[in-house]
Each structure stands twice: as C-alpha cells, then as structure tokens.
C-alpha cells in the first residue's frame, strides 16, 4: 500500500514538472515573438507613413519614373496558385 502512495506521489510530481516546463517554454516563445514583433513594427510603420503620403512603392516619388512604379506593382502580383496555369 505504501508503495502505491509513493508511486502516485512521483507521478504527481512528474506531471507538475512537465506543466512547469511547458509553461516556461510557452512564456519564452511568447517573449521571443514579442521581441521579433518589436523589430518588425518600426519597419511597418515606415511603410505605412510612405503609403499615407501617396507613394505606392517606397522610394518612388509620386509622378516619378513610370517603369519603377510598374516594377513596384509587379512585386505584389501572386507568384503561385491557380491563376498562373494556362486556361484550356
């Protein structure tokens, strides 16, 4: 009987350890994601500011080089999917 209680206690401790390890892993992953987003957000803010000024392509002035604007639009075209297959 005493052996069963010892085993149950060990299992309980193991479950608690696994939960603590998992919680620590989730917290570390969340912190890493926050840090990555902190690096990405300033760049996104700059892009939004340029778009708010009316520029379609960063670095290209409004009414500027038409070829550069065409290249800027082309980079937003889909590069995969159904629309690249020829129609029958």
PDB file of N, CA and C in Angstrom:
ATOM      1  N   UNK A   1       0.822  -1.195   0.000  1.00  0.00           N
ATOM      2  CA  UNK A   1       0.000   0.000   0.000  1.00  0.00           C
ATOM      3  C   UNK A   1       0.865   1.258   0.000  1.00  0.00           C
ATOM      4  N   UNK A   2       1.882   1.230   0.801  1.00  0.00           N
ATOM      5  CA  UNK A   2       2.792   2.374   0.880  1.00  0.00           C
ATOM      6  C   UNK A   2       3.500   2.598  -0.459  1.00  0.00           C
ATOM      7  N   UNK A   3       3.786   1.526  -1.149  1.00  0.00           N
ATOM      8  CA  UNK A   3       4.446   1.602  -2.452  1.00  0.00           C
ATOM      9  C   UNK A   3       3.555   2.316  -3.482  1.00  0.00           C
ATOM     10  N   UNK A   4       2.260   2.052  -3.415  1.00  0.00           N
ATOM     11  CA  UNK A   4       1.314   2.698  -4.328  1.00  0.00           C
ATOM     12  C   UNK A   4       1.275   4.197  -4.070  1.00  0.00           C
ATOM     13  N   UNK A   5       1.259   4.600  -2.819  1.00  0.00           N
ATOM     14  CA  UNK A   5       1.245   6.026  -2.471  1.00  0.00           C
ATOM     15  C   UNK A   5       2.518   6.726  -2.955  1.00  0.00           C
ATOM     16  N   UNK A   6       3.660   6.057  -2.812  1.00  0.00           N
ATOM     17  CA  UNK A   6       4.925   6.632  -3.267  1.00  0.00           C
ATOM     18  C   UNK A   6       4.883   6.815  -4.782  1.00  0.00           C
ATOM     19  N   UNK A   7       4.371   5.816  -5.476  1.00  0.00           N
ATOM     20  CA  UNK A   7       4.280   5.896  -6.944  1.00  0.00           C
ATOM     21  C   UNK A   7       3.348   7.034  -7.375  1.00  0.00           C
ATOM     22  N   UNK A   8       2.214   7.159  -6.710  1.00  0.00           N
ATOM     23  CA  UNK A   8       1.275   8.239  -7.037  1.00  0.00           C
ATOM     24  C   UNK A   8       1.915   9.607  -6.807  1.00  0.00           C
ATOM     25  N   UNK A   9       2.654   9.728  -5.713  1.00  0.00           N
ATOM     26  CA  UNK A   9       3.324  10.993  -5.420  1.00  0.00           C
ATOM     27  C   UNK A   9       4.361  11.316  -6.502  1.00  0.00           C
ATOM     28  N   UNK A  10       5.116  10.315  -6.942  1.00  0.00           N
ATOM     29  CA  UNK A  10       6.101  10.522  -8.007  1.00  0.00           C
ATOM     30  C   UNK A  10       5.421  10.947  -9.311  1.00  0.00           C
ATOM     31  N   UNK A  11       4.306  10.288  -9.634  1.00  0.00           N
ATOM     32  CA  UNK A  11       3.574  10.647 -10.849  1.00  0.00           C
ATOM     33  C   UNK A  11       3.053  12.075 -10.764  1.00  0.00           C
ATOM     34  N   UNK A  12       2.529  12.464  -9.616  1.00  0.00           N
ATOM     35  CA  UNK A  12       2.028  13.820  -9.411  1.00  0.00           C
ATOM     36  C   UNK A  12       3.152  14.841  -9.587  1.00  0.00           C
ATOM     37  N   UNK A  13       4.312  14.552  -9.004  1.00  0.00           N
ATOM     38  CA  UNK A  13       5.461  15.453  -9.131  1.00  0.00           C
ATOM     39  C   UNK A  13       5.928  15.552 -10.585  1.00  0.00           C
ATOM     40  N   UNK A  14       5.911  14.418 -11.286  1.00  0.00           N
ATOM     41  CA  UNK A  14       6.301  14.430 -12.699  1.00  0.00           C
ATOM     42  C   UNK A  14       5.341  15.273 -13.531  1.00  0.00           C
ATOM     43  N   UNK A  15       4.031  15.124 -13.284  1.00  0.00           N
ATOM     44  CA  UNK A  15       3.053  15.938 -14.015  1.00  0.00           C
ATOM     45  C   UNK A  15       3.266  17.419 -13.743  1.00  0.00           C
ATOM     46  N   UNK A  16       3.493  17.760 -12.488  1.00  0.00           N
ATOM     47  CA  UNK A  16       3.730  19.163 -12.133  1.00  0.00           C
ATOM     48  C   UNK A  16       4.990  19.699 -12.812  1.00  0.00           C
ATOM     49  N   UNK A  17       6.040  18.885 -12.856  1.00  0.00           N
ATOM     50  CA  UNK A  17       7.280  19.299 -13.507  1.00  0.00           C
ATOM     51  C   UNK A  17       7.060  19.522 -15.000  1.00  0.00           C
ATOM     52  N   UNK A  18       6.318  18.606 -15.630  1.00  0.00           N
ATOM     53  CA  UNK A  18       6.028  18.745 -17.057  1.00  0.00           C
ATOM     54  C   UNK A  18       5.238  20.032 -17.310  1.00  0.00           C
ATOM     55  N   UNK A  19       4.232  20.320 -16.484  1.00  0.00           N
ATOM     56  CA  UNK A  19       3.449  21.548 -16.647  1.00  0.00           C
ATOM     57  C   UNK A  19       4.312  22.788 -16.458  1.00  0.00           C
ATOM     58  N   UNK A  20       5.198  22.768 -15.462  1.00  0.00           N
ATOM     59  CA  UNK A  20       6.093  23.919 -15.244  1.00  0.00           C
ATOM     60  C   UNK A  20       7.015  24.117 -16.435  1.00  0.00           C
ATOM     61  N   UNK A  21       7.584  23.015 -16.940  1.00  0.00           N
ATOM     62  CA  UNK A  21       8.470  23.109 -18.107  1.00  0.00           C
ATOM     63  C   UNK A  21       7.717  23.648 -19.323  1.00  0.00           C
ATOM     64  N   UNK A  22       6.510  23.146 -19.531  1.00  0.00           N
ATOM     65  CA  UNK A  22       5.701  23.594 -20.660  1.00  0.00           C
ATOM     66  C   UNK A  22       5.355  25.073 -20.522  1.00  0.00           C
ATOM     67  N   UNK A  23       4.958  25.490 -19.329  1.00  0.00           N
ATOM     68  CA  UNK A  23       4.615  26.899 -19.110  1.00  0.00           C
ATOM     69  C   UNK A  23       5.831  27.793 -19.347  1.00  0.00           C
ATOM     70  N   UNK A  24       6.999  27.352 -18.907  1.00  0.00           N
ATOM     71  CA  UNK A  24       8.220  28.134 -19.123  1.00  0.00           C
ATOM     72  C   UNK A  24       8.534  28.220 -20.614  1.00  0.00           C
ATOM     73  N   UNK A  25       8.323  27.129 -21.337  1.00  0.00           N
ATOM     74  CA  UNK A  25       8.580  27.128 -22.777  1.00  0.00           C
ATOM     75  C   UNK A  25       7.633  28.086 -23.494  1.00  0.00           C
ATOM     76  N   UNK A  26       6.352  28.057 -23.120  1.00  0.00           N
ATOM     77  CA  UNK A  26       5.366  28.941 -23.747  1.00  0.00           C
ATOM     78  C   UNK A  26       5.707  30.396 -23.458  1.00  0.00           C
ATOM     79  N   UNK A  27       6.093  30.695 -22.232  1.00  0.00           N
ATOM     80  CA  UNK A  27       6.456  32.068 -21.883  1.00  0.00           C
ATOM     81  C   UNK A  27       7.679  32.527 -22.672  1.00  0.00           C
ATOM     82  N   UNK A  28       8.664  31.644 -22.823  1.00  0.00           N
ATOM     83  CA  UNK A  28       9.863  32.002 -23.583  1.00  0.00           C
ATOM     84  C   UNK A  28       9.517  32.241 -25.054  1.00  0.00           C
ATOM     85  N   UNK A  29       8.649  31.400 -25.609  1.00  0.00           N
ATOM     86  CA  UNK A  29       8.243  31.577 -27.005  1.00  0.00           C
ATOM     87  C   UNK A  29       7.471  32.882 -27.182  1.00  0.00           C
ATOM     88  N   UNK A  30       6.612  33.204 -26.234  1.00  0.00           N
ATOM     89  CA  UNK A  30       5.850  34.453 -26.317  1.00  0.00           C
ATOM     90  C   UNK A  30       6.784  35.659 -26.224  1.00  0.00           C
ATOM     91  N   UNK A  31       7.771  35.587 -25.363  1.00  0.00           N
ATOM     92  CA  UNK A  31       8.724  36.693 -25.228  1.00  0.00           C
ATOM     93  C   UNK A  31       9.543  36.855 -26.508  1.00  0.00           C
ATOM     94  N   UNK A  32       9.953  35.742 -27.098  1.00  0.00           N
ATOM     95  CA  UNK A  32      10.713  35.809 -28.349  1.00  0.00           C
ATOM     96  C   UNK A  32       9.864  36.430 -29.455  1.00  0.00           C
ATOM     97  N   UNK A  33       8.587  36.054 -29.513  1.00  0.00           N
ATOM     98  CA  UNK A  33       7.707  36.623 -30.531  1.00  0.00           C
ATOM     99  C   UNK A  33       7.522  38.122 -30.307  1.00  0.00           C
ATOM    100  N   UNK A  34       7.387  38.539 -29.048  1.00  0.00           N
ATOM    101  CA  UNK A  34       7.263  39.970 -28.752  1.00  0.00           C
ATOM    102  C   UNK A  34       8.497  40.726 -29.227  1.00  0.00           C
ATOM    103  N   UNK A  35       9.675  40.145 -28.992  1.00  0.00           N
ATOM    104  CA  UNK A  35      10.913  40.803 -29.411  1.00  0.00           C
ATOM    105  C   UNK A  35      10.998  40.892 -30.931  1.00  0.00           C
ATOM    106  N   UNK A  36      10.597  39.822 -31.620  1.00  0.00           N
ATOM    107  CA  UNK A  36      10.622  39.840 -33.084  1.00  0.00           C
ATOM    108  C   UNK A  36       9.648  40.881 -33.628  1.00  0.00           C
ATOM    109  N   UNK A  37       8.475  40.968 -33.029  1.00  0.00           N
ATOM    110  CA  UNK A  37       7.495  41.960 -33.474  1.00  0.00           C
ATOM    111  C   UNK A  37       7.986  43.373 -33.209  1.00  0.00           C
ATOM    112  N   UNK A  38       8.726  43.559 -32.137  1.00  0.00           N
ATOM    113  CA  UNK A  38       9.258  44.886 -31.832  1.00  0.00           C
ATOM    114  C   UNK A  38      10.240  45.325 -32.915  1.00  0.00           C
ATOM    115  N   UNK A  39      10.929  44.371 -33.534  1.00  0.00           N
ATOM    116  CA  UNK A  39      11.854  44.698 -34.616  1.00  0.00           C
ATOM    117  C   UNK A  39      11.113  44.960 -35.919  1.00  0.00           C
ATOM    118  N   UNK A  40      10.009  44.257 -36.152  1.00  0.00           N
ATOM    119  CA  UNK A  40       9.276  44.357 -37.410  1.00  0.00           C
ATOM    120  C   UNK A  40       8.390  45.593 -37.438  1.00  0.00           C
ATOM    121  N   UNK A  41       7.797  45.944 -36.330  1.00  0.00           N
ATOM    122  CA  UNK A  41       6.826  47.040 -36.308  1.00  0.00           C
ATOM    123  C   UNK A  41       7.388  48.376 -36.764  1.00  0.00           C
ATOM    124  N   UNK A  42       8.595  48.782 -36.373  1.00  0.00           N
ATOM    125  CA  UNK A  42       9.091  50.071 -36.873  1.00  0.00           C
ATOM    126  C   UNK A  42       9.176  50.113 -38.399  1.00  0.00           C
ATOM    127  N   UNK A  43       9.586  49.025 -39.017  1.00  0.00           N
ATOM    128  CA  UNK A  43       9.660  48.983 -40.482  1.00  0.00           C
ATOM    129  C   UNK A  43       8.263  49.087 -41.087  1.00  0.00           C
ATOM    130  N   UNK A  44       7.292  48.418 -40.481  1.00  0.00           N
ATOM    131  CA  UNK A  44       5.921  48.502 -40.975  1.00  0.00           C
ATOM    132  C   UNK A  44       5.388  49.921 -40.820  1.00  0.00           C
ATOM    133  N   UNK A  45       5.732  50.579 -39.723  1.00  0.00           N
ATOM    134  CA  UNK A  45       5.284  51.953 -39.510  1.00  0.00           C
ATOM    135  C   UNK A  45       5.835  52.873 -40.594  1.00  0.00           C
ATOM    136  N   UNK A  46       7.101  52.681 -40.978  1.00  0.00           N
ATOM    137  CA  UNK A  46       7.690  53.494 -42.042  1.00  0.00           C
ATOM    138  C   UNK A  46       6.952  53.271 -43.361  1.00  0.00           C
ATOM    139  N   UNK A  47       6.611  52.014 -43.649  1.00  0.00           N
ATOM    140  CA  UNK A  47       5.885  51.715 -44.882  1.00  0.00           C
ATOM    141  C   UNK A  47       4.513  52.383 -44.865  1.00  0.00           C
ATOM    142  N   UNK A  48       3.840  52.343 -43.728  1.00  0.00           N
ATOM    143  CA  UNK A  48       2.522  52.979 -43.628  1.00  0.00           C
ATOM    144  C   UNK A  48       2.623  54.485 -43.833  1.00  0.00           C
ATOM    145  N   UNK A  49       3.673  55.086 -43.297  1.00  0.00           N
ATOM    146  CA  UNK A  49       3.851  56.527 -43.477  1.00  0.00           C
ATOM    147  C   UNK A  49       4.028  56.866 -44.951  1.00  0.00           C
ATOM    148  N   UNK A  50       4.821  56.064 -45.667  1.00  0.00           N
ATOM    149  CA  UNK A  50       5.021  56.312 -47.095  1.00  0.00           C
ATOM    150  C   UNK A  50       3.723  56.113 -47.867  1.00  0.00           C
ATOM    151  N   UNK A  51       2.947  55.087 -47.490  1.00  0.00           N
ATOM    152  CA  UNK A  51       1.671  54.864 -48.161  1.00  0.00           C
ATOM    153  C   UNK A  51       0.712  56.017 -47.878  1.00  0.00           C
ATOM    154  N   UNK A  52       0.750  56.534 -46.668  1.00  0.00           N
ATOM    155  CA  UNK A  52      -0.123  57.656 -46.317  1.00  0.00           C
ATOM    156  C   UNK A  52       0.237  58.900 -47.126  1.00  0.00           C
ATOM    157  N   UNK A  53       1.487  58.996 -47.533  1.00  0.00           N
ATOM    158  CA  UNK A  53       1.921  60.133 -48.339  1.00  0.00           C
ATOM    159  C   UNK A  53       1.525  59.956 -49.805  1.00  0.00           C
ATOM    160  N   UNK A  54       1.017  58.781 -50.150  1.00  0.00           N
ATOM    161  CA  UNK A  54       0.554  58.549 -51.513  1.00  0.00           C
ATOM    162  C   UNK A  54       1.519  57.756 -52.361  1.00  0.00           C
ATOM    163  N   UNK A  55       2.606  57.291 -51.828  1.00  0.00           N
ATOM    164  CA  UNK A  55       3.566  56.514 -52.611  1.00  0.00           C
ATOM    165  C   UNK A  55       3.136  55.055 -52.641  1.00  0.00           C
ATOM    166  N   UNK A  56       3.036  54.485 -53.842  1.00  0.00           N
ATOM    167  CA  UNK A  56       2.730  53.070 -53.964  1.00  0.00           C
ATOM    168  C   UNK A  56       3.960  52.227 -53.673  1.00  0.00           C
ATOM    169  N   UNK A  57       5.100  52.726 -54.080  1.00  0.00           N
ATOM    170  CA  UNK A  57       6.349  51.994 -53.941  1.00  0.00           C
ATOM    171  C   UNK A  57       7.289  52.827 -53.083  1.00  0.00           C
ATOM    172  N   UNK A  58       7.828  52.238 -51.999  1.00  0.00           N
ATOM    173  CA  UNK A  58       8.759  53.016 -51.188  1.00  0.00           C
ATOM    174  C   UNK A  58       9.935  53.498 -52.017  1.00  0.00           C
ATOM    175  N   UNK A  59      10.280  54.755 -51.890  1.00  0.00           N
ATOM    176  CA  UNK A  59      11.419  55.310 -52.601  1.00  0.00           C
ATOM    177  C   UNK A  59      11.084  55.893 -53.956  1.00  0.00           C
ATOM    178  N   UNK A  60       9.861  55.718 -54.441  1.00  0.00           N
ATOM    179  CA  UNK A  60       9.465  56.263 -55.739  1.00  0.00           C
ATOM    180  C   UNK A  60       8.527  57.430 -55.482  1.00  0.00           C
ATOM    181  N   UNK A  61       8.893  58.579 -55.991  1.00  0.00           N
ATOM    182  CA  UNK A  61       8.073  59.779 -55.794  1.00  0.00           C
ATOM    183  C   UNK A  61       6.827  59.714 -56.666  1.00  0.00           C
ATOM    184  N   UNK A  62       5.781  60.363 -56.216  1.00  0.00           N
ATOM    185  CA  UNK A  62       4.529  60.426 -56.974  1.00  0.00           C
ATOM    186  C   UNK A  62       4.785  61.095 -58.323  1.00  0.00           C
ATOM    187  N   UNK A  63       4.315  60.472 -59.405  1.00  0.00           N
ATOM    188  CA  UNK A  63       4.508  61.029 -60.733  1.00  0.00           C
ATOM    189  C   UNK A  63       5.931  60.858 -61.233  1.00  0.00           C
ATOM    190  N   UNK A  64       6.689  60.006 -60.598  1.00  0.00           N
ATOM    191  CA  UNK A  64       8.086  59.803 -60.970  1.00  0.00           C
ATOM    192  C   UNK A  64       8.215  58.802 -62.095  1.00  0.00           C
ATOM    193  N   UNK A  65       9.249  58.032 -62.056  1.00  0.00           N
ATOM    194  CA  UNK A  65       9.578  57.077 -63.099  1.00  0.00           C
ATOM    195  C   UNK A  65       8.470  56.029 -63.232  1.00  0.00           C
ATOM    196  N   UNK A  66       7.825  55.983 -64.380  1.00  0.00           N
ATOM    197  CA  UNK A  66       6.716  55.055 -64.597  1.00  0.00           C
ATOM    198  C   UNK A  66       7.191  53.602 -64.551  1.00  0.00           C
ATOM    199  N   UNK A  67       8.376  53.333 -65.065  1.00  0.00           N
ATOM    200  CA  UNK A  67       8.899  51.964 -65.053  1.00  0.00           C
ATOM    201  C   UNK A  67       9.087  51.479 -63.620  1.00  0.00           C
ATOM    202  N   UNK A  68       9.573  52.335 -62.750  1.00  0.00           N
ATOM    203  CA  UNK A  68       9.761  51.948 -61.350  1.00  0.00           C
ATOM    204  C   UNK A  68       8.419  51.665 -60.688  1.00  0.00           C
ATOM    205  N   UNK A  69       7.397  52.441 -61.038  1.00  0.00           N
ATOM    206  CA  UNK A  69       6.075  52.183 -60.478  1.00  0.00           C
ATOM    207  C   UNK A  69       5.524  50.857 -60.979  1.00  0.00           C
ATOM    208  N   UNK A  70       5.784  50.517 -62.247  1.00  0.00           N
ATOM    209  CA  UNK A  70       5.334  49.241 -62.786  1.00  0.00           C
ATOM    210  C   UNK A  70       6.009  48.090 -62.057  1.00  0.00           C
ATOM    211  N   UNK A  71       7.295  48.218 -61.793  1.00  0.00           N
ATOM    212  CA  UNK A  71       8.019  47.180 -61.059  1.00  0.00           C
ATOM    213  C   UNK A  71       7.421  47.039 -59.671  1.00  0.00           C
ATOM    214  N   UNK A  72       7.093  48.155 -59.053  1.00  0.00           N
ATOM    215  CA  UNK A  72       6.501  48.118 -57.722  1.00  0.00           C
ATOM    216  C   UNK A  72       5.176  47.387 -57.708  1.00  0.00           C
ATOM    217  N   UNK A  73       4.362  47.587 -58.737  1.00  0.00           N
ATOM    218  CA  UNK A  73       3.090  46.877 -58.804  1.00  0.00           C
ATOM    219  C   UNK A  73       3.320  45.395 -59.077  1.00  0.00           C
ATOM    220  N   UNK A  74       4.300  45.090 -59.893  1.00  0.00           N
ATOM    221  CA  UNK A  74       4.549  43.700 -60.262  1.00  0.00           C
ATOM    222  C   UNK A  74       4.971  42.871 -59.062  1.00  0.00           C
ATOM    223  N   UNK A  75       5.647  43.477 -58.121  1.00  0.00           N
ATOM    224  CA  UNK A  75       6.098  42.660 -56.985  1.00  0.00           C
ATOM    225  C   UNK A  75       4.941  42.241 -56.094  1.00  0.00           C
ATOM    226  N   UNK A  76       3.764  42.823 -56.283  1.00  0.00           N
ATOM    227  CA  UNK A  76       2.603  42.433 -55.492  1.00  0.00           C
ATOM    228  C   UNK A  76       1.742  41.395 -56.199  1.00  0.00           C
ATOM    229  N   UNK A  77       2.095  41.015 -57.413  1.00  0.00           N
ATOM    230  CA  UNK A  77       1.321  40.013 -58.125  1.00  0.00           C
ATOM    231  C   UNK A  77       1.550  38.647 -57.503  1.00  0.00           C
ATOM    232  N   UNK A  78       0.546  37.786 -57.526  1.00  0.00           N
ATOM    233  CA  UNK A  78       0.730  36.448 -56.964  1.00  0.00           C
ATOM    234  C   UNK A  78       1.764  35.666 -57.765  1.00  0.00           C
ATOM    235  N   UNK A  79       2.538  34.888 -57.071  1.00  0.00           N
ATOM    236  CA  UNK A  79       3.570  34.093 -57.740  1.00  0.00           C
ATOM    237  C   UNK A  79       3.242  32.614 -57.704  1.00  0.00           C
ATOM    238  N   UNK A  80       2.077  32.277 -57.209  1.00  0.00           N
ATOM    239  CA  UNK A  80       1.676  30.876 -57.174  1.00  0.00           C
ATOM    240  C   UNK A  80       0.157  30.828 -57.224  1.00  0.00           C
ATOM    241  N   UNK A  81      -0.358  29.651 -57.502  1.00  0.00           N
ATOM    242  CA  UNK A  81      -1.793  29.477 -57.448  1.00  0.00           C
ATOM    243  C   UNK A  81      -2.424  29.203 -58.792  1.00  0.00           C
ATOM    244  N   UNK A  82      -3.732  29.184 -58.754  1.00  0.00           N
ATOM    245  CA  UNK A  82      -4.493  28.781 -59.923  1.00  0.00           C
ATOM    246  C   UNK A  82      -4.341  29.742 -61.095  1.00  0.00           C
ATOM    247  N   UNK A  83      -4.125  31.018 -60.841  1.00  0.00           N
ATOM    248  CA  UNK A  83      -4.142  31.995 -61.920  1.00  0.00           C
ATOM    249  C   UNK A  83      -2.889  31.962 -62.790  1.00  0.00           C
ATOM    250  N   UNK A  84      -1.907  31.168 -62.466  1.00  0.00           N
ATOM    251  CA  UNK A  84      -0.717  31.067 -63.300  1.00  0.00           C
ATOM    252  C   UNK A  84      -0.822  29.932 -64.317  1.00  0.00           C
ATOM    253  N   UNK A  85      -1.809  29.060 -64.136  1.00  0.00           N
ATOM    254  CA  UNK A  85      -1.963  27.958 -65.081  1.00  0.00           C
ATOM    255  C   UNK A  85      -2.678  28.472 -66.330  1.00  0.00           C
ATOM    256  N   UNK A  86      -2.235  28.039 -67.496  1.00  0.00           N
ATOM    257  CA  UNK A  86      -2.911  28.491 -68.718  1.00  0.00           C
ATOM    258  C   UNK A  86      -4.346  27.968 -68.771  1.00  0.00           C
ATOM    259  N   UNK A  87      -5.229  28.779 -69.316  1.00  0.00           N
ATOM    260  CA  UNK A  87      -6.624  28.353 -69.452  1.00  0.00           C
ATOM    261  C   UNK A  87      -6.750  27.405 -70.623  1.00  0.00           C
ATOM    262  N   UNK A  88      -7.640  26.459 -70.488  1.00  0.00           N
ATOM    263  CA  UNK A  88      -7.842  25.473 -71.560  1.00  0.00           C
ATOM    264  C   UNK A  88      -9.013  25.849 -72.402  1.00  0.00           C
TER     265      UNK A  88
END
